[in-house]
């Protein structure tokens, strides 16, 4: 099957009038200044153009829009909170694609304590969804630094991960059912709260992670879990990545299901955080090559979580796996420790150009991957500064590379393709994934050819052709 981009039309004036009638003039944005926030991602790596930004308020309006643009063979780019990191939510520079913002689909339709589920629309922010769950005495465990802006629709479209994956899985594992509009405008209502439904192909899982290329998710029924009664947060300093692996094995054995987060950070990443994030500081007197931040959660308010955390680090110190450790004794101390991890992405902005990789490898291969990747980077760009951190417990490494000191930013960023190709080739050789949680979007579309087999790509193209024969849904993304 061909991998060429679809031949799509620019929207005719008559079509633009019809689309405006559906959402109303106030929600059909044509003013370039008002359009601007919808047309660039937060790092300014991707900037596009559009004749109109449509802001529908209901699933029915989304369906009417898609029926019209599909018949006219006009491309449409769905967008949530515009926090994506691979350009999947940004239109092309041709100015022929319509942007469909789902932010006005922002109702929480229901919270059901009997099924421990809630049904929310695609434009509900992750923070609002988590607050609704908390108000019902439950927890929606998906957690991302961008939760105040990112939306549930975008989270599902990219199968978002975050810090809770170790215990609760990605967005896919937290979704019981979805409602989606297909390319031709038909509405699929799959909003079920069932834990078991073995009736053929799992269409829910097919659309989750498809980045808006197979259908537009308009609502979802999400899985809720019991809120922990207590959480113990701890930070450890370690001499090597092999020691990080040993600590993970020890914490997994001792903590079991109560180990709900296990994040790792390099010395350089924490240098950047403490240098550029207000109020951030390390609680240790000496510096160390690697750090681990972990959470132990408990469902009895009896100090059990704290006891487990302290037991883990007592054993780790006795075995000389860790050099130093601190267990937070208050919510304020816990927040200060988590600030070190949550500021890791933001802090890199102040160090010049950054070439970013969101990859995963088997957990046991993380030390070897980072060692080989560091050697590759030094050979390709001497003096470049690797910044590694991420979700060690599920193998997700954010392997970013900051420019060498004194190097021109633009000159460094010109090496993006060369450096990424080398890192992705290494990941593939180690049976990993070139996208752990951010998706493919525009950034990694070409890389997918070397990461997937010919059979896998043919299967994906066949699914795309069946559900979106005219190629109108998020053209130029993923495939």
Protein backbone atom coordinates (compact mmCIF):
# COMPACT_ATOMS: atom_id res chain seq x y z
CA UNK A 1 0.00 0.00 0.00
CA UNK A 2 1.14 3.56 -0.73
CA UNK A 3 2.45 5.81 2.01
CA UNK A 4 1.73 8.98 0.04
CA UNK A 5 -0.26 11.74 1.69
CA UNK A 6 -3.92 11.95 0.59
CA UNK A 7 -4.97 14.40 -2.11
CA UNK A 8 -7.42 16.67 -0.32
CA UNK A 9 -9.27 19.82 -1.30
CA UNK A 10 -9.25 23.29 0.16
CA UNK A 11 -12.65 24.13 1.64
CA UNK A 12 -14.85 26.10 -0.74
CA UNK A 13 -16.54 29.31 0.52
CA UNK A 14 -19.91 27.56 0.48
CA UNK A 15 -18.58 24.80 2.73
CA UNK A 16 -17.13 27.34 5.16
CA UNK A 17 -20.55 29.01 5.39
CA UNK A 18 -22.21 25.65 6.12
CA UNK A 19 -19.66 24.86 8.82
CA UNK A 20 -20.12 28.30 10.39
CA UNK A 21 -23.87 27.73 10.56
CA UNK A 22 -23.29 24.56 12.57
CA UNK A 23 -21.16 26.11 15.34
CA UNK A 24 -22.22 29.75 15.07
CA UNK A 25 -20.07 32.70 13.93
CA UNK A 26 -18.48 33.16 17.38
CA UNK A 27 -17.10 29.61 17.23
CA UNK A 28 -15.86 29.67 13.64
CA UNK A 29 -12.61 31.56 14.11
CA UNK A 30 -11.12 33.20 11.03
CA UNK A 31 -9.22 36.11 12.64
CA UNK A 32 -5.48 35.20 12.39
CA UNK A 33 -4.68 36.73 15.78
CA UNK A 34 -7.37 34.71 17.53
CA UNK A 35 -6.40 31.59 15.56
CA UNK A 36 -2.73 31.85 16.57
CA UNK A 37 -2.85 29.77 19.81
CA UNK A 38 -4.43 26.88 17.88
CA UNK A 39 -1.76 26.86 15.17
CA UNK A 40 1.48 26.39 17.10
CA UNK A 41 2.63 23.93 19.72
CA UNK A 42 4.23 25.18 22.91
CA UNK A 43 7.83 24.66 21.74
CA UNK A 44 7.15 26.41 18.38
CA UNK A 45 8.60 23.44 16.51
CA UNK A 46 5.36 23.06 14.51
CA UNK A 47 3.36 25.99 13.17
CA UNK A 48 0.51 25.64 10.68
CA UNK A 49 -2.26 27.56 8.94
CA UNK A 50 -6.01 27.04 8.59
CA UNK A 51 -8.97 28.76 6.92
CA UNK A 52 -11.06 28.29 10.08
CA UNK A 53 -10.92 26.96 13.63
CA UNK A 54 -14.24 25.33 14.49
CA UNK A 55 -15.31 24.96 18.13
CA UNK A 56 -18.31 22.60 18.28
CA UNK A 57 -20.20 22.14 21.56
CA UNK A 58 -21.73 18.70 21.06
CA UNK A 59 -21.13 15.31 19.50
CA UNK A 60 -23.94 16.03 17.05
CA UNK A 61 -22.15 19.16 15.83
CA UNK A 62 -18.91 17.18 15.37
CA UNK A 63 -20.86 14.58 13.36
CA UNK A 64 -22.45 17.21 11.09
CA UNK A 65 -19.05 18.82 10.50
CA UNK A 66 -17.38 15.54 9.57
CA UNK A 67 -20.19 14.52 7.24
CA UNK A 68 -19.71 17.75 5.29
CA UNK A 69 -15.91 17.77 5.11
CA UNK A 70 -15.79 14.07 4.23
CA UNK A 71 -18.14 14.59 1.30
CA UNK A 72 -15.99 17.52 0.16
CA UNK A 73 -12.68 15.64 0.69
CA UNK A 74 -11.39 18.34 3.03
CA UNK A 75 -8.89 17.52 5.79
CA UNK A 76 -9.70 18.13 9.45
CA UNK A 77 -7.25 18.28 12.35
CA UNK A 78 -8.77 17.47 15.77
CA UNK A 79 -7.26 19.32 18.71
CA UNK A 80 -7.67 19.12 22.47
CA UNK A 81 -5.60 21.19 24.90
CA UNK A 82 -2.75 21.62 22.37
CA UNK A 83 -0.15 20.16 24.72
CA UNK A 84 1.07 17.43 22.36
CA UNK A 85 4.81 17.08 21.81
CA UNK A 86 4.99 15.53 18.33
CA UNK A 87 2.89 17.97 16.29
CA UNK A 88 -0.12 15.68 15.97
CA UNK A 89 -2.55 18.48 16.80
CA UNK A 90 -1.15 21.13 14.44
CA UNK A 91 -2.35 21.60 10.82
CA UNK A 92 0.07 21.73 7.91
CA UNK A 93 1.45 24.95 6.45
CA UNK A 94 -0.73 24.58 3.32
CA UNK A 95 -3.66 26.31 5.01
CA UNK A 96 -6.13 23.82 3.52
CA UNK A 97 -7.06 21.85 6.65
CA UNK A 98 -9.78 22.78 9.13
CA UNK A 99 -8.88 22.74 12.83
CA UNK A 100 -11.55 21.16 15.03
CA UNK A 101 -11.08 22.26 18.64
CA UNK A 102 -12.96 20.09 21.14
CA UNK A 103 -12.49 22.35 24.17
CA UNK A 104 -16.20 23.25 24.34
CA UNK A 105 -17.17 19.57 24.77
CA UNK A 106 -16.43 19.98 28.45
CA UNK A 107 -19.28 18.36 30.39
CA UNK A 108 -18.89 15.68 33.00
CA UNK A 109 -21.90 13.61 32.07
CA UNK A 110 -21.99 11.19 34.98
CA UNK A 111 -20.07 9.79 37.93
CA UNK A 112 -21.16 6.28 38.93
CA UNK A 113 -19.89 5.08 42.30
CA UNK A 114 -21.46 1.64 41.82
CA UNK A 115 -19.32 0.88 38.76
CA UNK A 116 -16.42 3.12 39.90
CA UNK A 117 -16.58 4.99 36.62
CA UNK A 118 -17.30 8.40 35.20
CA UNK A 119 -18.32 9.56 31.75
CA UNK A 120 -16.78 12.81 30.53
CA UNK A 121 -16.60 14.67 27.24
CA UNK A 122 -13.41 14.99 25.26
CA UNK A 123 -12.75 18.63 26.13
CA UNK A 124 -12.75 18.09 29.88
CA UNK A 125 -9.27 18.83 31.18
CA UNK A 126 -7.42 16.07 32.99
CA UNK A 127 -7.37 18.25 36.13
CA UNK A 128 -11.16 18.66 36.00
CA UNK A 129 -11.64 14.91 35.54
CA UNK A 130 -9.39 14.16 38.51
CA UNK A 131 -11.25 16.74 40.62
CA UNK A 132 -14.62 15.19 39.73
CA UNK A 133 -13.34 11.77 40.74
CA UNK A 134 -11.98 13.15 44.00
CA UNK A 135 -15.32 14.81 44.78
CA UNK A 136 -16.88 11.37 44.48
CA UNK A 137 -14.33 9.85 46.84
CA UNK A 138 -12.43 8.12 44.04
CA UNK A 139 -9.21 8.58 42.08
CA UNK A 140 -8.68 8.87 38.35
CA UNK A 141 -5.00 7.89 38.37
CA UNK A 142 -3.80 9.37 35.07
CA UNK A 143 -1.39 12.14 36.09
CA UNK A 144 0.59 14.48 33.82
CA UNK A 145 2.41 17.80 34.42
CA UNK A 146 0.11 19.41 31.81
CA UNK A 147 -3.11 18.23 33.49
CA UNK A 148 -4.46 21.76 33.89
CA UNK A 149 -4.49 22.19 30.10
CA UNK A 150 -4.45 18.79 28.41
CA UNK A 151 -7.85 17.23 27.69
CA UNK A 152 -9.27 13.74 28.05
CA UNK A 153 -9.81 13.47 24.30
CA UNK A 154 -6.16 14.21 23.63
CA UNK A 155 -5.05 11.89 26.43
CA UNK A 156 -6.96 9.03 24.83
CA UNK A 157 -5.99 9.91 21.26
CA UNK A 158 -2.32 9.60 22.24
CA UNK A 159 -2.76 6.87 24.89
CA UNK A 160 -1.09 9.12 27.44
CA UNK A 161 1.08 7.66 30.18
CA UNK A 162 2.56 9.72 33.00
CA UNK A 163 3.69 8.77 36.47
CA UNK A 164 0.82 6.39 37.32
CA UNK A 165 1.49 3.82 34.58
CA UNK A 166 3.49 1.55 36.87
CA UNK A 167 0.44 0.88 39.04
CA UNK A 168 -2.53 1.67 36.81
CA UNK A 169 -1.47 1.50 33.16
CA UNK A 170 -1.73 3.97 30.29
CA UNK A 171 -4.91 5.83 29.29
CA UNK A 172 -6.02 2.72 27.37
CA UNK A 173 -6.08 0.64 30.56
CA UNK A 174 -8.07 3.36 32.33
CA UNK A 175 -10.82 3.58 29.70
CA UNK A 176 -13.92 1.39 29.79
CA UNK A 177 -15.73 2.82 26.77
CA UNK A 178 -15.69 5.67 24.28
CA UNK A 179 -17.98 7.66 22.04
CA UNK A 180 -16.49 8.65 18.70
CA UNK A 181 -17.46 10.20 15.39
CA UNK A 182 -16.24 8.40 12.28
CA UNK A 183 -14.90 10.12 9.19
CA UNK A 184 -18.28 10.00 7.41
CA UNK A 185 -20.11 11.57 10.35
CA UNK A 186 -21.58 8.43 11.88
CA UNK A 187 -21.56 8.34 15.70
CA UNK A 188 -20.38 5.23 17.50
CA UNK A 189 -21.69 5.08 21.06
CA UNK A 190 -19.45 2.67 22.92
CA UNK A 191 -19.89 4.27 26.35
CA UNK A 192 -20.07 1.13 28.45
CA UNK A 193 -18.82 0.68 31.99
CA UNK A 194 -18.21 -3.04 31.55
CA UNK A 195 -15.03 -4.69 32.78
CA UNK A 196 -15.72 -7.68 30.53
CA UNK A 197 -17.02 -7.52 26.95
CA UNK A 198 -15.62 -10.28 24.77
CA UNK A 199 -17.67 -9.69 21.62
CA UNK A 200 -15.14 -9.49 18.83
CA UNK A 201 -12.73 -6.75 17.78
CA UNK A 202 -12.03 -4.20 20.50
CA UNK A 203 -12.98 -1.00 18.69
CA UNK A 204 -12.35 1.07 21.81
CA UNK A 205 -8.70 0.08 21.93
CA UNK A 206 -8.39 0.59 18.18
CA UNK A 207 -9.35 4.25 18.41
CA UNK A 208 -7.39 4.95 21.60
CA UNK A 209 -3.85 5.82 20.54
CA UNK A 210 -4.84 6.40 16.91
CA UNK A 211 -4.11 10.15 17.20
CA UNK A 212 -7.39 11.19 15.59
CA UNK A 213 -6.64 9.37 12.33
CA UNK A 214 -9.44 6.77 12.61
CA UNK A 215 -12.19 8.72 14.36
CA UNK A 216 -12.65 11.66 16.70
CA UNK A 217 -13.24 10.71 20.32
CA UNK A 218 -16.00 12.92 21.78
CA UNK A 219 -16.57 11.27 25.18
CA UNK A 220 -15.24 8.46 27.33
CA UNK A 221 -16.24 6.31 30.27
CA UNK A 222 -13.21 6.19 32.56
CA UNK A 223 -12.20 3.74 35.25
CA UNK A 224 -11.92 5.05 38.79
CA UNK A 225 -10.01 3.44 41.65
CA UNK A 226 -9.99 3.79 45.41
CA UNK A 227 -8.12 6.80 46.70
CA UNK A 228 -5.07 5.90 48.79
CA UNK A 229 -5.41 6.91 52.42
CA UNK A 230 -1.71 7.70 52.64
CA UNK A 231 1.25 8.14 50.28
CA UNK A 232 4.91 8.02 51.32
CA UNK A 233 7.27 9.86 48.97
CA UNK A 234 11.03 9.30 49.04
CA UNK A 235 14.09 10.48 47.12
CA UNK A 236 17.25 8.37 46.87
CA UNK A 237 20.73 9.15 45.57
CA UNK A 238 22.49 6.35 43.70
CA UNK A 239 25.96 5.74 42.22
CA UNK A 240 24.89 4.17 38.89
CA UNK A 241 22.01 3.08 36.71
CA UNK A 242 22.74 -0.53 37.66
CA UNK A 243 22.05 0.55 41.24
CA UNK A 244 18.77 2.15 40.09
CA UNK A 245 17.79 -1.21 38.57
CA UNK A 246 18.69 -3.00 41.80
CA UNK A 247 16.62 -0.53 43.82
CA UNK A 248 13.66 -1.03 41.50
CA UNK A 249 13.83 -4.79 41.98
CA UNK A 250 14.09 -4.38 45.75
CA UNK A 251 11.23 -1.84 45.88
CA UNK A 252 9.03 -4.04 43.67
CA UNK A 253 9.63 -7.08 45.86
CA UNK A 254 9.08 -5.21 49.13
CA UNK A 255 6.35 -2.82 48.00
CA UNK A 256 4.39 -4.98 45.58
CA UNK A 257 1.22 -3.23 44.41
CA UNK A 258 1.84 -0.39 46.88
CA UNK A 259 4.74 0.86 44.71
CA UNK A 260 2.83 3.39 42.61
CA UNK A 261 5.65 5.52 41.17
CA UNK A 262 9.32 4.95 40.44
CA UNK A 263 10.92 7.85 38.57
CA UNK A 264 14.60 8.35 37.80
CA UNK A 265 16.62 11.47 37.05
CA UNK A 266 20.22 12.07 36.03
CA UNK A 267 22.51 14.43 37.86
CA UNK A 268 22.44 16.81 34.90
CA UNK A 269 18.65 16.93 34.80
CA UNK A 270 18.56 17.93 38.46
CA UNK A 271 21.31 20.50 37.87
CA UNK A 272 18.98 22.13 35.34
CA UNK A 273 15.97 21.95 37.66
CA UNK A 274 17.70 23.46 40.68
CA UNK A 275 19.25 26.14 38.46
CA UNK A 276 16.08 27.25 36.70
CA UNK A 277 12.97 26.22 38.68
CA UNK A 278 12.13 28.62 41.50
CA UNK A 279 12.33 27.03 44.93
CA UNK A 280 13.72 23.70 43.73
CA UNK A 281 16.64 22.33 45.70
CA UNK A 282 18.29 19.00 46.43
CA UNK A 283 17.97 17.76 50.01
CA UNK A 284 21.43 16.11 50.03
CA UNK A 285 24.78 17.66 50.91
CA UNK A 286 26.67 15.85 48.14
CA UNK A 287 25.84 15.33 44.45
CA UNK A 288 25.33 11.89 42.98
CA UNK A 289 25.13 10.51 39.41
CA UNK A 290 21.51 9.31 39.62
CA UNK A 291 18.38 9.86 41.68
CA UNK A 292 15.14 7.95 42.21
CA UNK A 293 11.81 9.39 43.31
CA UNK A 294 9.23 6.85 44.43
CA UNK A 295 5.78 6.70 45.97
CA UNK A 296 4.42 4.00 48.24
CA UNK A 297 0.61 4.15 48.57
CA UNK A 298 -1.49 2.63 51.30
CA UNK A 299 -5.22 2.14 51.80
CA UNK A 300 -5.17 2.14 55.61
CA UNK A 301 -4.38 5.32 57.48
CA UNK A 302 -2.00 3.56 59.85
CA UNK A 303 1.47 4.64 58.73
CA UNK A 304 1.97 1.45 56.75
CA UNK A 305 3.10 3.23 53.58
CA UNK A 306 5.76 5.15 55.47
CA UNK A 307 6.94 1.95 57.17
CA UNK A 308 7.28 0.17 53.81
CA UNK A 309 9.27 3.09 52.33
CA UNK A 310 11.59 3.21 55.31
CA UNK A 311 12.10 -0.55 55.19
CA UNK A 312 13.00 -0.39 51.49
CA UNK A 313 15.66 2.24 52.06
CA UNK A 314 17.03 0.60 55.17
CA UNK A 315 17.65 -2.53 53.11
CA UNK A 316 19.01 -0.50 50.17
CA UNK A 317 21.44 1.39 52.39
CA UNK A 318 22.59 -1.81 54.08
CA UNK A 319 23.21 -3.38 50.66
CA UNK A 320 25.03 -0.20 49.52
CA UNK A 321 22.61 0.18 46.61
CA UNK A 322 21.89 3.79 47.55
CA UNK A 323 24.23 6.45 48.89
CA UNK A 324 21.63 8.59 50.62
CA UNK A 325 17.85 8.80 50.96
CA UNK A 326 15.13 10.97 52.41
CA UNK A 327 11.51 10.04 53.11
CA UNK A 328 9.11 12.99 53.14
CA UNK A 329 7.59 13.63 56.54
CA UNK A 330 4.84 16.00 55.36
CA UNK A 331 2.79 16.91 52.28
CA UNK A 332 4.97 19.99 51.87
CA UNK A 333 8.13 17.90 51.77
CA UNK A 334 6.50 15.48 49.34
CA UNK A 335 5.52 18.33 46.99
CA UNK A 336 9.07 19.71 47.14
CA UNK A 337 10.50 16.32 46.12
CA UNK A 338 8.03 15.96 43.27
CA UNK A 339 8.90 19.47 42.06
CA UNK A 340 12.34 18.10 41.19
CA UNK A 341 10.79 15.61 38.78
CA UNK A 342 7.98 17.76 37.43
CA UNK A 343 10.36 20.59 36.57
CA UNK A 344 12.66 18.41 34.45
CA UNK A 345 11.10 19.29 31.08
CA UNK A 346 10.59 22.98 31.80
CA UNK A 347 14.16 23.48 33.04
CA UNK A 348 15.72 22.36 29.75
CA UNK A 349 14.28 25.37 27.93
CA UNK A 350 16.79 27.62 29.67
CA UNK A 351 19.80 25.59 28.49
CA UNK A 352 19.32 26.28 24.77
CA UNK A 353 18.23 23.87 22.08
CA UNK A 354 17.00 20.45 23.15
CA UNK A 355 16.54 17.38 20.94
CA UNK A 356 13.97 15.18 22.65
CA UNK A 357 13.27 11.46 22.57
CA UNK A 358 10.35 9.70 24.24
CA UNK A 359 11.33 6.04 24.02
CA UNK A 360 10.94 2.80 25.91
CA UNK A 361 13.14 -0.25 26.32
CA UNK A 362 12.85 -3.31 28.57
CA UNK A 363 13.45 -2.15 32.14
CA UNK A 364 16.54 -4.33 32.51
CA UNK A 365 18.04 -2.72 29.39
CA UNK A 366 17.82 0.89 30.56
CA UNK A 367 21.43 1.08 31.88
CA UNK A 368 22.85 -0.33 28.64
CA UNK A 369 20.62 1.86 26.49
CA UNK A 370 21.70 5.08 28.18
CA UNK A 371 25.39 4.09 28.10
CA UNK A 372 25.24 3.33 24.36
CA UNK A 373 23.13 6.42 23.63
CA UNK A 374 25.56 8.70 25.48
CA UNK A 375 28.43 7.33 23.39
CA UNK A 376 26.45 7.88 20.18
CA UNK A 377 25.69 11.49 21.11
CA UNK A 378 29.31 12.29 21.91
CA UNK A 379 30.40 10.87 18.55
CA UNK A 380 27.73 12.79 16.61
CA UNK A 381 27.95 16.09 18.50
CA UNK A 382 30.93 16.40 20.87
CA UNK A 383 30.05 18.32 24.00
CA UNK A 384 26.30 17.81 23.67
CA UNK A 385 24.66 17.21 27.06
CA UNK A 386 22.36 14.18 27.40
CA UNK A 387 19.54 14.72 29.91
CA UNK A 388 17.93 11.42 30.89
CA UNK A 389 14.93 11.02 33.16
CA UNK A 390 11.58 9.31 33.12
CA UNK A 391 9.39 6.47 34.28
CA UNK A 392 11.93 3.77 35.09
CA UNK A 393 9.34 1.31 36.35
CA UNK A 394 7.69 0.96 32.93
CA UNK A 395 10.83 1.40 30.81
CA UNK A 396 9.92 4.87 29.53
CA UNK A 397 13.05 7.00 29.10
CA UNK A 398 12.89 10.69 28.19
CA UNK A 399 16.30 10.83 26.57
CA UNK A 400 16.81 14.48 25.71
CA UNK A 401 19.96 16.15 24.45
CA UNK A 402 20.81 19.77 25.25
CA UNK A 403 23.13 21.73 23.00
CA UNK A 404 26.86 22.02 23.81
CA UNK A 405 27.81 25.09 25.79
CA UNK A 406 28.68 27.90 23.41
CA UNK A 407 27.17 26.25 20.32
CA UNK A 408 24.66 28.13 18.17
CA UNK A 409 21.12 26.92 18.91
CA UNK A 410 20.02 26.76 15.27
CA UNK A 411 23.17 24.90 14.27
CA UNK A 412 22.53 22.32 16.98
CA UNK A 413 18.86 21.83 16.10
CA UNK A 414 19.87 21.13 12.49
CA UNK A 415 21.28 17.86 13.86
CA UNK A 416 17.82 16.75 15.08
CA UNK A 417 17.17 14.21 12.33
CA UNK A 418 20.67 12.71 12.47
CA UNK A 419 20.68 12.38 16.25
CA UNK A 420 17.12 11.06 16.47
CA UNK A 421 17.77 8.51 13.72
CA UNK A 422 20.74 7.16 15.68
CA UNK A 423 18.84 7.03 18.99
CA UNK A 424 15.79 5.41 17.41
CA UNK A 425 17.93 2.83 15.62
CA UNK A 426 19.51 1.91 18.97
CA UNK A 427 16.06 1.64 20.57
CA UNK A 428 14.85 -0.64 17.78
CA UNK A 429 17.90 -2.89 18.11
CA UNK A 430 17.12 -3.23 21.82
CA UNK A 431 13.50 -4.30 21.13
CA UNK A 432 12.16 -0.98 22.34
CA UNK A 433 9.69 1.60 21.03
CA UNK A 434 10.44 4.95 19.42
CA UNK A 435 7.37 6.43 21.10
CA UNK A 436 6.55 5.43 24.65
CA UNK A 437 3.77 7.90 25.46
CA UNK A 438 3.85 10.99 23.22
CA UNK A 439 2.68 9.40 19.97
CA UNK A 440 3.93 9.66 16.38
CA UNK A 441 2.28 12.82 15.05
CA UNK A 442 4.35 14.67 12.45
CA UNK A 443 7.67 14.30 14.21
CA UNK A 444 8.07 10.53 14.00
CA UNK A 445 5.99 9.65 10.94
CA UNK A 446 9.02 8.93 8.76
CA UNK A 447 10.74 7.04 11.59
CA UNK A 448 7.79 4.66 11.85
CA UNK A 449 8.88 2.98 8.60
CA UNK A 450 12.03 1.63 10.22
CA UNK A 451 10.39 0.91 13.58
CA UNK A 452 7.52 -1.20 12.21
CA UNK A 453 7.66 -4.24 9.96
CA UNK A 454 6.13 -4.19 6.48
CA UNK A 455 3.34 -6.43 7.74
CA UNK A 456 2.52 -4.10 10.62
CA UNK A 457 2.46 -1.05 8.34
CA UNK A 458 0.21 -2.83 5.84
CA UNK A 459 -2.21 -3.75 8.62
CA UNK A 460 -2.28 -0.16 9.88
CA UNK A 461 -2.84 1.26 6.40
CA UNK A 462 -5.63 -1.23 5.76
CA UNK A 463 -7.42 -0.13 8.93
CA UNK A 464 -6.96 3.53 7.99
CA UNK A 465 -8.31 2.93 4.49
CA UNK A 466 -11.36 1.11 5.83
CA UNK A 467 -12.36 3.74 8.38
CA UNK A 468 -11.18 6.88 6.56
CA UNK A 469 -11.10 6.08 2.83
CA UNK A 470 -10.68 9.72 1.78
CA UNK A 471 -7.91 10.35 4.31
CA UNK A 472 -9.56 13.42 5.82
CA UNK A 473 -8.81 12.65 9.49
CA UNK A 474 -5.61 14.33 10.70
CA UNK A 475 -3.84 14.08 7.34
CA UNK A 476 -0.06 13.78 7.39
CA UNK A 477 0.00 12.37 10.92
CA UNK A 478 1.02 8.88 12.03
CA UNK A 479 0.91 7.25 8.56
